[in-house]
Amino acid sequence: MPDMSASASLAMTHLVSFAKEVDEDKVTPGVLGFIVFAAMALAVWALMKSMSRHMDKVDFTQAPDPEAEQAEPKPADAEVSGQGKQKQG
């Protein structure tokens, strides 16, 4: 069976040399940034799905107001709105 400590030390040597090549001033989000982004994306998806279910329950048809049908417009309102009869002469 091969010696694991030798291969592990060789891998660490390559990783350390690779780490030196990476720009130390460069900031990356890393795994934690991905996890936070994924959690936020799942939360938005769940909220959108919930909103869709609630919107499906809403009835958008509006029943006519019976009081509005019974009330007749006043003559002053008819003239202001331009619907009053005007005599031409």
Protein backbone atom coordinates (compact mmCIF):
# COMPACT_ATOMS: atom_id res chain seq x y z
CA MET A 1 0.00 0.00 0.00
CA PRO A 2 1.50 3.40 -0.93
CA ASP A 3 2.49 5.86 1.71
CA MET A 4 -0.37 8.37 2.13
CA SER A 5 1.68 10.91 4.02
CA ALA A 6 4.03 11.35 1.07
CA SER A 7 1.21 11.92 -1.38
CA ALA A 8 -0.54 14.25 1.07
CA SER A 9 2.60 16.32 1.54
CA LEU A 10 3.10 16.45 -2.23
CA ALA A 11 -0.49 17.66 -2.70
CA MET A 12 -0.02 20.28 0.00
CA THR A 13 3.16 21.48 -1.69
CA HIS A 14 1.28 21.97 -4.95
CA LEU A 15 -1.63 23.69 -3.20
CA VAL A 16 0.67 26.05 -1.32
CA SER A 17 2.49 26.99 -4.51
CA PHE A 18 -0.86 27.52 -6.23
CA ALA A 19 -2.01 29.73 -3.34
CA LYS A 20 1.06 31.90 -3.79
CA GLU A 21 0.17 32.44 -7.46
CA VAL A 22 -3.32 33.73 -6.60
CA ASP A 23 -3.47 37.51 -6.22
CA GLU A 24 -3.71 38.26 -2.51
CA ASP A 25 -5.55 41.56 -3.14
CA LYS A 26 -8.35 39.87 -5.07
CA VAL A 27 -11.50 39.21 -3.03
CA THR A 28 -13.88 36.46 -4.09
CA PRO A 29 -17.22 35.48 -2.55
CA GLY A 30 -16.24 31.85 -2.10
CA VAL A 31 -18.46 29.06 -0.87
CA LEU A 32 -20.15 31.15 1.81
CA GLY A 33 -21.20 33.72 -0.79
CA PHE A 34 -22.67 30.98 -2.97
CA ILE A 35 -24.58 29.49 -0.03
CA VAL A 36 -26.03 32.90 0.92
CA PHE A 37 -26.99 33.61 -2.70
CA ALA A 38 -28.62 30.18 -3.08
CA ALA A 39 -30.57 30.64 0.17
CA MET A 40 -31.83 34.04 -0.98
CA ALA A 41 -32.81 32.62 -4.37
CA LEU A 42 -34.77 29.80 -2.70
CA ALA A 43 -36.49 32.31 -0.39
CA VAL A 44 -37.54 34.48 -3.35
CA TRP A 45 -38.80 31.42 -5.21
CA ALA A 46 -40.85 30.31 -2.19
CA LEU A 47 -42.30 33.80 -1.74
CA MET A 48 -43.25 34.04 -5.42
CA LYS A 49 -44.93 30.62 -5.28
CA SER A 50 -46.86 31.65 -2.16
CA MET A 51 -47.90 34.96 -3.75
CA SER A 52 -49.09 33.10 -6.84
CA ARG A 53 -51.29 30.84 -4.71
CA HIS A 54 -52.77 33.82 -2.87
CA MET A 55 -53.41 35.72 -6.10
CA ASP A 56 -55.24 32.69 -7.52
CA LYS A 57 -57.68 32.89 -4.60
CA VAL A 58 -58.57 36.55 -5.30
CA ASP A 59 -61.74 37.21 -7.28
CA PHE A 60 -61.10 40.22 -9.50
CA THR A 61 -64.65 40.61 -10.80
CA GLN A 62 -66.38 43.54 -9.17
CA ALA A 63 -70.09 43.42 -8.42
CA PRO A 64 -71.99 46.57 -9.40
CA ASP A 65 -72.88 48.86 -6.52
CA PRO A 66 -76.69 48.81 -6.07
CA GLU A 67 -76.69 52.24 -4.38
CA ALA A 68 -74.90 53.82 -7.34
CA GLU A 69 -77.49 52.49 -9.79
CA GLN A 70 -80.40 53.88 -7.79
CA ALA A 71 -78.97 57.35 -7.29
CA GLU A 72 -79.66 59.71 -10.16
CA PRO A 73 -77.06 62.36 -11.06
CA LYS A 74 -77.83 65.89 -9.92
CA PRO A 75 -78.33 68.53 -12.62
CA ALA A 76 -75.18 70.38 -11.48
CA ASP A 77 -73.12 67.21 -11.83
CA ALA A 78 -74.49 66.58 -15.32
CA GLU A 79 -73.57 70.06 -16.55
CA VAL A 80 -70.07 69.90 -15.08
CA SER A 81 -69.36 66.55 -16.66
CA GLY A 82 -70.67 67.73 -20.03
CA GLN A 83 -73.52 65.22 -20.17
CA GLY A 84 -76.33 67.75 -19.62
CA LYS A 85 -78.67 68.69 -22.41
CA GLN A 86 -77.88 72.03 -23.94
CA LYS A 87 -80.29 73.98 -26.08
CA GLN A 88 -79.02 74.96 -29.44
CA GLY A 89 -80.44 78.14 -30.81
